[in-house]
Amino acid sequence: NPSTEDILKEIQKTPAEIVYVLPNNKNIIMAAQQCVDLVEDKKVIVLQAKTVPQGISAMIAMNPDGEEAENTAAMEEAMGMVTTMEITYAARDSEFDGNSIQAGDYLLLVDNQLFGTEKDLDVALEKLAKESQNRGGEFISIFYGEGVEKTQAEKALAHFEANCPEAEITMLEGSQPVYHYLISVE
């Protein structure tokens, strides 16, 4: 996690009068907010982006020629429409909410909450694809991570296409570490 000092350095390097900070992680929001009062020559706006997909949607909604209030409102609205799903793995044996989790199990997260665990990646993807359909996802972006082969990613895409036939689905190489898949459902 970056420190307030790390975030402040990046804000100072940004050649803009208004700088939007997208923490993309709930653990970074407080450090980012401390920067607001530390910067004198720019206006710093920290949006409450808690996930990378929220941050991406906010950036897409931003109009470089727009007014600050309009941009802030549009970016916050875009973030609010995102459900973030993730698949990672348990690094060690543990217990959570009365559930026994074993090292190596796939962890399914929906909006940073444990949605379930699985031993089989295809079963995990199928569960998240069904949940995407249940949530009425119209636009789904699947970012596959570091170490995920293209053929594996295509299988993931097939799960979502089968379960969400009305959605516009995009598969992207995210190359993110630790998370096999980051999925944005809007």
N, C-alpha and C. Protein backbone atom coordinates (compact mmCIF):
# COMPACT_ATOMS: atom_id res chain seq x y z
N ASN A 1 0.84 -1.19 0.00
CA ASN A 1 0.00 0.00 0.00
C ASN A 1 0.89 1.25 0.00
N PRO A 2 0.58 2.20 -0.86
CA PRO A 2 1.38 3.43 -0.88
C PRO A 2 1.10 4.26 0.37
N SER A 3 2.08 5.00 0.80
CA SER A 3 1.94 5.90 1.94
C SER A 3 1.37 7.24 1.45
N THR A 4 1.02 8.08 2.41
CA THR A 4 0.59 9.44 2.07
C THR A 4 1.68 10.15 1.27
N GLU A 5 2.93 9.95 1.68
CA GLU A 5 4.06 10.58 1.00
C GLU A 5 4.16 10.10 -0.46
N ASP A 6 3.95 8.80 -0.68
CA ASP A 6 3.99 8.26 -2.05
C ASP A 6 2.91 8.90 -2.92
N ILE A 7 1.71 8.99 -2.38
CA ILE A 7 0.58 9.57 -3.13
C ILE A 7 0.85 11.05 -3.39
N LEU A 8 1.35 11.75 -2.38
CA LEU A 8 1.65 13.17 -2.50
C LEU A 8 2.66 13.44 -3.61
N LYS A 9 3.69 12.61 -3.72
CA LYS A 9 4.70 12.77 -4.78
C LYS A 9 4.06 12.67 -6.15
N GLU A 10 3.15 11.72 -6.32
CA GLU A 10 2.49 11.54 -7.62
C GLU A 10 1.55 12.71 -7.92
N ILE A 11 0.87 13.22 -6.91
CA ILE A 11 0.01 14.39 -7.10
C ILE A 11 0.86 15.58 -7.56
N GLN A 12 1.99 15.79 -6.91
CA GLN A 12 2.86 16.91 -7.26
C GLN A 12 3.39 16.80 -8.69
N LYS A 13 3.62 15.57 -9.15
CA LYS A 13 4.14 15.37 -10.52
C LYS A 13 3.06 15.54 -11.58
N THR A 14 1.81 15.55 -11.18
CA THR A 14 0.71 15.62 -12.14
C THR A 14 0.51 17.06 -12.61
N PRO A 15 0.63 17.29 -13.92
CA PRO A 15 0.52 18.66 -14.44
C PRO A 15 -0.94 19.06 -14.67
N ALA A 16 -1.68 19.24 -13.57
CA ALA A 16 -3.08 19.62 -13.67
C ALA A 16 -3.46 20.49 -12.48
N GLU A 17 -4.49 21.29 -12.65
CA GLU A 17 -4.98 22.13 -11.56
C GLU A 17 -5.86 21.32 -10.61
N ILE A 18 -6.57 20.35 -11.18
CA ILE A 18 -7.43 19.47 -10.39
C ILE A 18 -6.91 18.05 -10.57
N VAL A 19 -6.65 17.37 -9.46
CA VAL A 19 -6.14 16.01 -9.51
C VAL A 19 -7.13 15.09 -8.79
N TYR A 20 -7.61 14.12 -9.54
CA TYR A 20 -8.48 13.09 -8.95
C TYR A 20 -7.61 11.93 -8.51
N VAL A 21 -7.79 11.50 -7.28
CA VAL A 21 -7.06 10.35 -6.75
C VAL A 21 -8.05 9.20 -6.60
N LEU A 22 -7.72 8.08 -7.23
CA LEU A 22 -8.54 6.88 -7.18
C LEU A 22 -7.77 5.81 -6.40
N PRO A 23 -8.01 5.68 -5.11
CA PRO A 23 -7.24 4.73 -4.30
C PRO A 23 -7.39 3.27 -4.75
N ASN A 24 -8.56 2.89 -5.23
CA ASN A 24 -8.83 1.54 -5.73
C ASN A 24 -8.60 0.46 -4.67
N ASN A 25 -8.61 0.87 -3.41
CA ASN A 25 -8.40 -0.06 -2.31
C ASN A 25 -8.85 0.66 -1.04
N LYS A 26 -9.73 0.05 -0.26
CA LYS A 26 -10.25 0.72 0.93
C LYS A 26 -9.16 1.06 1.94
N ASN A 27 -8.04 0.32 1.91
CA ASN A 27 -6.94 0.57 2.85
C ASN A 27 -6.10 1.79 2.48
N ILE A 28 -6.32 2.34 1.30
CA ILE A 28 -5.51 3.47 0.84
C ILE A 28 -6.28 4.79 0.90
N ILE A 29 -7.58 4.72 1.06
CA ILE A 29 -8.41 5.94 1.03
C ILE A 29 -7.96 6.95 2.07
N MET A 30 -7.71 6.53 3.31
CA MET A 30 -7.33 7.47 4.35
C MET A 30 -6.00 8.16 4.04
N ALA A 31 -5.02 7.41 3.55
CA ALA A 31 -3.73 8.00 3.18
C ALA A 31 -3.93 9.02 2.06
N ALA A 32 -4.78 8.71 1.11
CA ALA A 32 -5.05 9.64 0.00
C ALA A 32 -5.74 10.90 0.50
N GLN A 33 -6.69 10.75 1.41
CA GLN A 33 -7.42 11.91 1.92
C GLN A 33 -6.52 12.89 2.67
N GLN A 34 -5.46 12.38 3.29
CA GLN A 34 -4.53 13.26 4.00
C GLN A 34 -3.83 14.22 3.04
N CYS A 35 -3.75 13.85 1.79
CA CYS A 35 -3.08 14.69 0.79
C CYS A 35 -3.87 15.95 0.45
N VAL A 36 -5.17 15.91 0.63
CA VAL A 36 -6.01 17.04 0.24
C VAL A 36 -5.53 18.33 0.89
N ASP A 37 -5.23 18.30 2.18
CA ASP A 37 -4.81 19.50 2.90
C ASP A 37 -3.31 19.80 2.76
N LEU A 38 -2.55 18.87 2.21
CA LEU A 38 -1.11 19.05 2.09
C LEU A 38 -0.68 19.69 0.78
N VAL A 39 -1.60 19.76 -0.18
CA VAL A 39 -1.28 20.32 -1.49
C VAL A 39 -1.88 21.72 -1.57
N GLU A 40 -1.04 22.70 -1.89
CA GLU A 40 -1.49 24.09 -1.93
C GLU A 40 -1.76 24.62 -3.33
N ASP A 41 -1.07 24.07 -4.34
CA ASP A 41 -1.16 24.64 -5.68
C ASP A 41 -2.11 23.89 -6.62
N LYS A 42 -2.82 22.88 -6.09
CA LYS A 42 -3.76 22.10 -6.91
C LYS A 42 -4.94 21.74 -6.04
N LYS A 43 -6.04 21.47 -6.67
CA LYS A 43 -7.20 20.94 -5.96
C LYS A 43 -7.13 19.42 -6.06
N VAL A 44 -7.18 18.74 -4.93
CA VAL A 44 -7.11 17.29 -4.89
C VAL A 44 -8.48 16.75 -4.49
N ILE A 45 -9.01 15.86 -5.31
CA ILE A 45 -10.29 15.23 -5.03
C ILE A 45 -10.06 13.73 -4.92
N VAL A 46 -10.37 13.18 -3.76
CA VAL A 46 -10.20 11.75 -3.53
C VAL A 46 -11.56 11.09 -3.68
N LEU A 47 -11.68 10.22 -4.66
CA LEU A 47 -12.91 9.46 -4.84
C LEU A 47 -12.81 8.17 -4.03
N GLN A 48 -13.92 7.65 -3.61
CA GLN A 48 -13.96 6.47 -2.73
C GLN A 48 -13.88 5.16 -3.51
N ALA A 49 -13.03 5.10 -4.51
CA ALA A 49 -12.86 3.87 -5.29
C ALA A 49 -12.17 2.83 -4.42
N LYS A 50 -12.85 1.71 -4.23
CA LYS A 50 -12.31 0.64 -3.37
C LYS A 50 -11.76 -0.53 -4.17
N THR A 51 -11.99 -0.52 -5.49
CA THR A 51 -11.50 -1.60 -6.34
C THR A 51 -11.01 -1.03 -7.66
N VAL A 52 -10.15 -1.78 -8.32
CA VAL A 52 -9.63 -1.35 -9.62
C VAL A 52 -10.77 -1.19 -10.64
N PRO A 53 -11.72 -2.13 -10.74
CA PRO A 53 -12.82 -1.91 -11.69
C PRO A 53 -13.61 -0.63 -11.43
N GLN A 54 -13.80 -0.25 -10.17
CA GLN A 54 -14.46 1.02 -9.88
C GLN A 54 -13.63 2.19 -10.42
N GLY A 55 -12.32 2.12 -10.20
CA GLY A 55 -11.45 3.18 -10.68
C GLY A 55 -11.45 3.30 -12.20
N ILE A 56 -11.47 2.16 -12.87
CA ILE A 56 -11.50 2.18 -14.34
C ILE A 56 -12.79 2.81 -14.84
N SER A 57 -13.92 2.43 -14.23
CA SER A 57 -15.20 3.01 -14.64
C SER A 57 -15.24 4.51 -14.38
N ALA A 58 -14.66 4.94 -13.27
CA ALA A 58 -14.60 6.37 -12.98
C ALA A 58 -13.79 7.11 -14.03
N MET A 59 -12.64 6.54 -14.42
CA MET A 59 -11.79 7.19 -15.43
C MET A 59 -12.51 7.30 -16.77
N ILE A 60 -13.25 6.26 -17.13
CA ILE A 60 -13.97 6.28 -18.40
C ILE A 60 -15.04 7.37 -18.39
N ALA A 61 -15.65 7.60 -17.22
CA ALA A 61 -16.73 8.59 -17.11
C ALA A 61 -16.21 10.03 -17.08
N MET A 62 -14.92 10.20 -16.84
CA MET A 62 -14.34 11.54 -16.71
C MET A 62 -14.22 12.23 -18.06
N ASN A 63 -14.64 13.47 -18.12
CA ASN A 63 -14.55 14.28 -19.32
C ASN A 63 -13.43 15.31 -19.11
N PRO A 64 -12.31 15.18 -19.83
CA PRO A 64 -11.19 16.10 -19.61
C PRO A 64 -11.56 17.58 -19.79
N ASP A 65 -12.61 17.85 -20.57
CA ASP A 65 -13.04 19.23 -20.79
C ASP A 65 -14.20 19.63 -19.90
N GLY A 66 -14.65 18.72 -19.05
CA GLY A 66 -15.81 18.98 -18.20
C GLY A 66 -15.48 19.79 -16.97
N GLU A 67 -16.52 20.26 -16.33
CA GLU A 67 -16.38 21.02 -15.09
C GLU A 67 -16.15 20.05 -13.93
N GLU A 68 -15.51 20.54 -12.89
CA GLU A 68 -15.17 19.71 -11.73
C GLU A 68 -16.40 19.02 -11.13
N ALA A 69 -17.44 19.76 -10.86
CA ALA A 69 -18.63 19.19 -10.22
C ALA A 69 -19.27 18.11 -11.09
N GLU A 70 -19.34 18.40 -12.40
CA GLU A 70 -19.93 17.42 -13.33
C GLU A 70 -19.09 16.15 -13.38
N ASN A 71 -17.78 16.32 -13.47
CA ASN A 71 -16.89 15.17 -13.52
C ASN A 71 -16.96 14.35 -12.24
N THR A 72 -16.93 15.03 -11.11
CA THR A 72 -16.99 14.32 -9.83
C THR A 72 -18.28 13.52 -9.74
N ALA A 73 -19.40 14.13 -10.09
CA ALA A 73 -20.68 13.44 -10.03
C ALA A 73 -20.72 12.25 -11.00
N ALA A 74 -20.23 12.46 -12.21
CA ALA A 74 -20.24 11.38 -13.21
C ALA A 74 -19.33 10.22 -12.78
N MET A 75 -18.18 10.55 -12.24
CA MET A 75 -17.25 9.50 -11.81
C MET A 75 -17.81 8.72 -10.61
N GLU A 76 -18.40 9.43 -9.66
CA GLU A 76 -19.00 8.74 -8.51
C GLU A 76 -20.17 7.86 -8.94
N GLU A 77 -20.98 8.36 -9.87
CA GLU A 77 -22.10 7.56 -10.37
C GLU A 77 -21.59 6.30 -11.06
N ALA A 78 -20.56 6.44 -11.88
CA ALA A 78 -20.00 5.28 -12.59
C ALA A 78 -19.46 4.25 -11.61
N MET A 79 -18.76 4.70 -10.57
CA MET A 79 -18.22 3.78 -9.57
C MET A 79 -19.35 3.03 -8.85
N GLY A 80 -20.43 3.74 -8.59
CA GLY A 80 -21.56 3.15 -7.87
C GLY A 80 -22.28 2.07 -8.65
N MET A 81 -22.08 2.02 -9.94
CA MET A 81 -22.77 1.03 -10.77
C MET A 81 -21.97 -0.26 -10.94
N VAL A 82 -20.77 -0.30 -10.35
CA VAL A 82 -19.85 -1.43 -10.54
C VAL A 82 -19.96 -2.43 -9.40
N THR A 83 -20.12 -3.68 -9.77
CA THR A 83 -19.92 -4.78 -8.83
C THR A 83 -18.57 -5.38 -9.20
N THR A 84 -17.70 -5.52 -8.21
CA THR A 84 -16.37 -6.08 -8.44
C THR A 84 -16.34 -7.51 -7.95
N MET A 85 -15.90 -8.41 -8.81
CA MET A 85 -15.73 -9.82 -8.45
C MET A 85 -14.27 -10.17 -8.65
N GLU A 86 -13.76 -11.02 -7.76
CA GLU A 86 -12.34 -11.39 -7.83
C GLU A 86 -12.18 -12.86 -7.50
N ILE A 87 -11.20 -13.46 -8.09
CA ILE A 87 -10.80 -14.81 -7.72
C ILE A 87 -9.32 -14.77 -7.38
N THR A 88 -9.02 -15.16 -6.15
CA THR A 88 -7.65 -15.26 -5.68
C THR A 88 -7.51 -16.62 -5.01
N TYR A 89 -6.52 -16.79 -4.18
CA TYR A 89 -6.33 -18.09 -3.52
C TYR A 89 -5.94 -17.88 -2.07
N ALA A 90 -6.22 -18.88 -1.26
CA ALA A 90 -5.84 -18.84 0.15
C ALA A 90 -4.36 -19.20 0.29
N ALA A 91 -3.61 -18.35 0.95
CA ALA A 91 -2.18 -18.59 1.12
C ALA A 91 -1.89 -19.57 2.26
N ARG A 92 -2.87 -19.71 3.16
CA ARG A 92 -2.70 -20.62 4.30
C ARG A 92 -4.06 -21.13 4.76
N ASP A 93 -4.05 -22.17 5.59
CA ASP A 93 -5.27 -22.68 6.18
C ASP A 93 -5.82 -21.62 7.14
N SER A 94 -7.14 -21.46 7.15
CA SER A 94 -7.76 -20.50 8.05
C SER A 94 -9.24 -20.85 8.22
N GLU A 95 -9.90 -20.07 9.05
CA GLU A 95 -11.34 -20.20 9.23
C GLU A 95 -11.94 -18.81 9.13
N PHE A 96 -13.04 -18.70 8.40
CA PHE A 96 -13.69 -17.41 8.23
C PHE A 96 -15.19 -17.62 8.24
N ASP A 97 -15.87 -16.90 9.09
CA ASP A 97 -17.33 -17.01 9.19
C ASP A 97 -17.79 -18.45 9.37
N GLY A 98 -17.03 -19.23 10.12
CA GLY A 98 -17.39 -20.62 10.36
C GLY A 98 -17.04 -21.56 9.23
N ASN A 99 -16.41 -21.04 8.19
CA ASN A 99 -16.01 -21.87 7.05
C ASN A 99 -14.53 -22.20 7.14
N SER A 100 -14.21 -23.45 6.95
CA SER A 100 -12.82 -23.88 6.93
C SER A 100 -12.24 -23.64 5.54
N ILE A 101 -11.14 -22.91 5.50
CA ILE A 101 -10.48 -22.60 4.23
C ILE A 101 -9.11 -23.25 4.26
N GLN A 102 -8.78 -23.95 3.20
CA GLN A 102 -7.48 -24.62 3.13
C GLN A 102 -6.56 -23.87 2.16
N ALA A 103 -5.27 -23.91 2.47
CA ALA A 103 -4.29 -23.27 1.59
C ALA A 103 -4.46 -23.79 0.17
N GLY A 104 -4.49 -22.89 -0.78
CA GLY A 104 -4.66 -23.27 -2.18
C GLY A 104 -6.09 -23.19 -2.67
N ASP A 105 -7.07 -23.11 -1.75
CA ASP A 105 -8.47 -22.96 -2.18
C ASP A 105 -8.62 -21.65 -2.94
N TYR A 106 -9.50 -21.65 -3.92
CA TYR A 106 -9.83 -20.41 -4.61
C TYR A 106 -10.81 -19.63 -3.74
N LEU A 107 -10.54 -18.34 -3.56
CA LEU A 107 -11.42 -17.46 -2.81
C LEU A 107 -12.20 -16.61 -3.80
N LEU A 108 -13.51 -16.61 -3.68
CA LEU A 108 -14.37 -15.81 -4.53
C LEU A 108 -14.82 -14.61 -3.72
N LEU A 109 -14.53 -13.43 -4.22
CA LEU A 109 -14.89 -12.19 -3.54
C LEU A 109 -15.85 -11.40 -4.40
N VAL A 110 -16.87 -10.84 -3.77
CA VAL A 110 -17.80 -9.94 -4.44
C VAL A 110 -17.85 -8.67 -3.61
N ASP A 111 -17.46 -7.57 -4.22
CA ASP A 111 -17.36 -6.28 -3.53
C ASP A 111 -16.61 -6.41 -2.21
N ASN A 112 -15.45 -7.04 -2.29
CA ASN A 112 -14.52 -7.21 -1.17
C ASN A 112 -15.04 -8.10 -0.05
N GLN A 113 -16.12 -8.82 -0.28
CA GLN A 113 -16.68 -9.74 0.71
C GLN A 113 -16.52 -11.17 0.20
N LEU A 114 -16.23 -12.09 1.12
CA LEU A 114 -16.09 -13.49 0.73
C LEU A 114 -17.44 -14.01 0.24
N PHE A 115 -17.46 -14.47 -0.99
CA PHE A 115 -18.67 -15.01 -1.62
C PHE A 115 -18.66 -16.53 -1.54
N GLY A 116 -17.47 -17.11 -1.46
CA GLY A 116 -17.35 -18.56 -1.35
C GLY A 116 -15.93 -19.01 -1.61
N THR A 117 -15.73 -20.30 -1.44
CA THR A 117 -14.43 -20.90 -1.73
C THR A 117 -14.68 -22.11 -2.62
N GLU A 118 -13.69 -22.43 -3.43
CA GLU A 118 -13.79 -23.58 -4.33
C GLU A 118 -12.42 -24.20 -4.50
N LYS A 119 -12.42 -25.47 -4.80
CA LYS A 119 -11.17 -26.18 -5.11
C LYS A 119 -10.93 -26.19 -6.62
N ASP A 120 -11.99 -25.98 -7.40
CA ASP A 120 -11.92 -26.04 -8.86
C ASP A 120 -12.17 -24.65 -9.44
N LEU A 121 -11.24 -24.18 -10.25
CA LEU A 121 -11.35 -22.84 -10.83
C LEU A 121 -12.56 -22.71 -11.75
N ASP A 122 -12.87 -23.74 -12.52
CA ASP A 122 -14.03 -23.67 -13.41
C ASP A 122 -15.33 -23.52 -12.62
N VAL A 123 -15.44 -24.22 -11.50
CA VAL A 123 -16.63 -24.10 -10.65
C VAL A 123 -16.71 -22.68 -10.09
N ALA A 124 -15.57 -22.14 -9.69
CA ALA A 124 -15.53 -20.77 -9.16
C ALA A 124 -16.00 -19.77 -10.22
N LEU A 125 -15.50 -19.91 -11.43
CA LEU A 125 -15.90 -19.01 -12.52
C LEU A 125 -17.38 -19.15 -12.84
N GLU A 126 -17.88 -20.37 -12.83
CA GLU A 126 -19.30 -20.61 -13.10
C GLU A 126 -20.17 -19.91 -12.06
N LYS A 127 -19.77 -19.98 -10.79
CA LYS A 127 -20.54 -19.32 -9.72
C LYS A 127 -20.56 -17.81 -9.92
N LEU A 128 -19.43 -17.23 -10.25
CA LEU A 128 -19.39 -15.78 -10.45
C LEU A 128 -20.13 -15.37 -11.71
N ALA A 129 -20.09 -16.19 -12.72
CA ALA A 129 -20.85 -15.89 -13.95
C ALA A 129 -22.34 -15.89 -13.65
N LYS A 130 -22.80 -16.86 -12.89
CA LYS A 130 -24.23 -16.90 -12.52
C LYS A 130 -24.61 -15.70 -11.67
N GLU A 131 -23.73 -15.32 -10.75
CA GLU A 131 -24.00 -14.16 -9.91
C GLU A 131 -24.03 -12.88 -10.76
N SER A 132 -23.21 -12.81 -11.79
CA SER A 132 -23.23 -11.65 -12.70
C SER A 132 -24.59 -11.55 -13.38
N GLN A 133 -25.12 -12.67 -13.80
CA GLN A 133 -26.44 -12.69 -14.43
C GLN A 133 -27.50 -12.28 -13.41
N ASN A 134 -27.40 -12.80 -12.18
CA ASN A 134 -28.37 -12.46 -11.14
C ASN A 134 -28.38 -10.96 -10.84
N ARG A 135 -27.23 -10.33 -10.98
CA ARG A 135 -27.12 -8.90 -10.70
C ARG A 135 -27.46 -8.05 -11.92
N GLY A 136 -27.84 -8.68 -13.00
CA GLY A 136 -28.27 -7.95 -14.19
C GLY A 136 -27.15 -7.25 -14.93
N GLY A 137 -25.97 -7.82 -14.90
CA GLY A 137 -24.83 -7.22 -15.56
C GLY A 137 -25.04 -7.06 -17.06
N GLU A 138 -24.92 -5.82 -17.53
CA GLU A 138 -25.05 -5.54 -18.96
C GLU A 138 -23.68 -5.43 -19.62
N PHE A 139 -22.70 -4.96 -18.85
CA PHE A 139 -21.33 -4.82 -19.34
C PHE A 139 -20.41 -5.54 -18.35
N ILE A 140 -19.68 -6.50 -18.85
CA ILE A 140 -18.80 -7.28 -18.00
C ILE A 140 -17.40 -7.25 -18.60
N SER A 141 -16.44 -6.86 -17.77
CA SER A 141 -15.03 -6.86 -18.19
C SER A 141 -14.30 -7.86 -17.31
N ILE A 142 -13.59 -8.77 -17.94
CA ILE A 142 -12.84 -9.80 -17.23
C ILE A 142 -11.36 -9.55 -17.48
N PHE A 143 -10.63 -9.25 -16.40
CA PHE A 143 -9.18 -9.03 -16.48
C PHE A 143 -8.51 -10.28 -15.94
N TYR A 144 -7.77 -10.96 -16.79
CA TYR A 144 -7.10 -12.16 -16.30
C TYR A 144 -5.68 -11.82 -15.88
N GLY A 145 -5.25 -12.50 -14.81
CA GLY A 145 -4.03 -12.13 -14.14
C GLY A 145 -2.78 -12.83 -14.59
N GLU A 146 -1.71 -12.44 -13.94
CA GLU A 146 -0.39 -12.99 -14.16
C GLU A 146 -0.44 -14.51 -13.96
N GLY A 147 0.10 -15.23 -14.89
CA GLY A 147 0.14 -16.69 -14.79
C GLY A 147 -1.07 -17.40 -15.36
N VAL A 148 -2.10 -16.66 -15.74
CA VAL A 148 -3.28 -17.27 -16.36
C VAL A 148 -3.02 -17.36 -17.87
N GLU A 149 -3.06 -18.57 -18.39
CA GLU A 149 -2.83 -18.78 -19.82
C GLU A 149 -4.03 -18.28 -20.62
N LYS A 150 -3.77 -17.88 -21.84
CA LYS A 150 -4.84 -17.39 -22.74
C LYS A 150 -5.96 -18.42 -22.89
N THR A 151 -5.61 -19.71 -22.99
CA THR A 151 -6.65 -20.74 -23.13
C THR A 151 -7.51 -20.84 -21.88
N GLN A 152 -6.91 -20.64 -20.70
CA GLN A 152 -7.70 -20.62 -19.46
C GLN A 152 -8.64 -19.41 -19.45
N ALA A 153 -8.14 -18.28 -19.88
CA ALA A 153 -8.95 -17.06 -19.93
C ALA A 153 -10.12 -17.24 -20.90
N GLU A 154 -9.89 -17.91 -22.00
CA GLU A 154 -10.97 -18.14 -22.96
C GLU A 154 -12.05 -19.04 -22.36
N LYS A 155 -11.66 -20.00 -21.50
CA LYS A 155 -12.65 -20.83 -20.80
C LYS A 155 -13.48 -19.97 -19.85
N ALA A 156 -12.82 -19.03 -19.18
CA ALA A 156 -13.53 -18.11 -18.28
C ALA A 156 -14.55 -17.30 -19.08
N LEU A 157 -14.11 -16.78 -20.21
CA LEU A 157 -15.00 -16.02 -21.07
C LEU A 157 -16.21 -16.85 -21.48
N ALA A 158 -15.99 -18.11 -21.81
CA ALA A 158 -17.09 -19.00 -22.21
C ALA A 158 -18.11 -19.17 -21.08
N HIS A 159 -17.66 -19.26 -19.83
CA HIS A 159 -18.59 -19.36 -18.69
C HIS A 159 -19.50 -18.14 -18.65
N PHE A 160 -18.91 -16.96 -18.82
CA PHE A 160 -19.69 -15.74 -18.74
C PHE A 160 -20.61 -15.58 -19.94
N GLU A 161 -20.14 -15.94 -21.12
CA GLU A 161 -21.00 -15.85 -22.31
C GLU A 161 -22.19 -16.78 -22.20
N ALA A 162 -22.00 -17.97 -21.64
CA ALA A 162 -23.10 -18.92 -21.49
C ALA A 162 -24.11 -18.46 -20.44
N ASN A 163 -23.63 -17.85 -19.37
CA ASN A 163 -24.51 -17.45 -18.28
C ASN A 163 -25.09 -16.05 -18.42
N CYS A 164 -24.47 -15.23 -19.22
CA CYS A 164 -24.89 -13.83 -19.38
C CYS A 164 -25.05 -13.50 -20.86
N PRO A 165 -25.98 -14.18 -21.55
CA PRO A 165 -26.08 -14.01 -23.01
C PRO A 165 -26.45 -12.60 -23.48
N GLU A 166 -27.05 -11.81 -22.61
CA GLU A 166 -27.47 -10.46 -23.00
C GLU A 166 -26.37 -9.42 -22.76
N ALA A 167 -25.35 -9.80 -22.03
CA ALA A 167 -24.31 -8.84 -21.64
C ALA A 167 -23.26 -8.66 -22.73
N GLU A 168 -22.68 -7.47 -22.74
CA GLU A 168 -21.51 -7.21 -23.59
C GLU A 168 -20.30 -7.56 -22.73
N ILE A 169 -19.53 -8.56 -23.16
CA ILE A 169 -18.44 -9.08 -22.34
C ILE A 169 -17.11 -8.84 -23.04
N THR A 170 -16.15 -8.33 -22.27
CA THR A 170 -14.82 -8.06 -22.79
C THR A 170 -13.79 -8.79 -21.94
N MET A 171 -12.85 -9.47 -22.59
CA MET A 171 -11.76 -10.15 -21.91
C MET A 171 -10.48 -9.36 -22.15
N LEU A 172 -9.76 -9.06 -21.07
CA LEU A 172 -8.54 -8.26 -21.17
C LEU A 172 -7.42 -8.90 -20.36
N GLU A 173 -6.22 -8.84 -20.86
CA GLU A 173 -5.07 -9.30 -20.11
C GLU A 173 -4.68 -8.22 -19.11
N GLY A 174 -4.93 -8.49 -17.84
CA GLY A 174 -4.62 -7.51 -16.80
C GLY A 174 -3.23 -7.70 -16.22
N SER A 175 -2.75 -8.93 -16.25
CA SER A 175 -1.43 -9.29 -15.72
C SER A 175 -1.25 -8.95 -14.24
N GLN A 176 -2.35 -8.78 -13.52
CA GLN A 176 -2.26 -8.46 -12.10
C GLN A 176 -1.77 -9.68 -11.31
N PRO A 177 -0.90 -9.44 -10.32
CA PRO A 177 -0.44 -10.54 -9.48
C PRO A 177 -1.52 -10.94 -8.47
N VAL A 178 -1.44 -12.10 -7.93
CA VAL A 178 -2.26 -12.63 -6.84
C VAL A 178 -3.70 -12.95 -7.26
N TYR A 179 -4.33 -12.11 -8.04
CA TYR A 179 -5.72 -12.32 -8.45
C TYR A 179 -5.76 -12.96 -9.83
N HIS A 180 -6.30 -14.17 -9.89
CA HIS A 180 -6.43 -14.85 -11.18
C HIS A 180 -7.35 -14.04 -12.10
N TYR A 181 -8.44 -13.53 -11.51
CA TYR A 181 -9.40 -12.75 -12.29
C TYR A 181 -9.91 -11.57 -11.47
N LEU A 182 -10.01 -10.41 -12.12
CA LEU A 182 -10.74 -9.24 -11.62
C LEU A 182 -11.87 -9.06 -12.61
N ILE A 183 -13.08 -8.96 -12.12
CA ILE A 183 -14.25 -8.90 -13.00
C ILE A 183 -15.09 -7.69 -12.62
N SER A 184 -15.39 -6.87 -13.60
CA SER A 184 -16.24 -5.71 -13.42
C SER A 184 -17.60 -6.01 -14.03
N VAL A 185 -18.64 -5.86 -13.22
CA VAL A 185 -20.01 -6.11 -13.68
C VAL A 185 -20.79 -4.80 -13.53
N GLU A 186 -21.31 -4.30 -14.63
CA GLU A 186 -22.09 -3.04 -14.60
C GLU A 186 -23.43 -3.28 -15.24
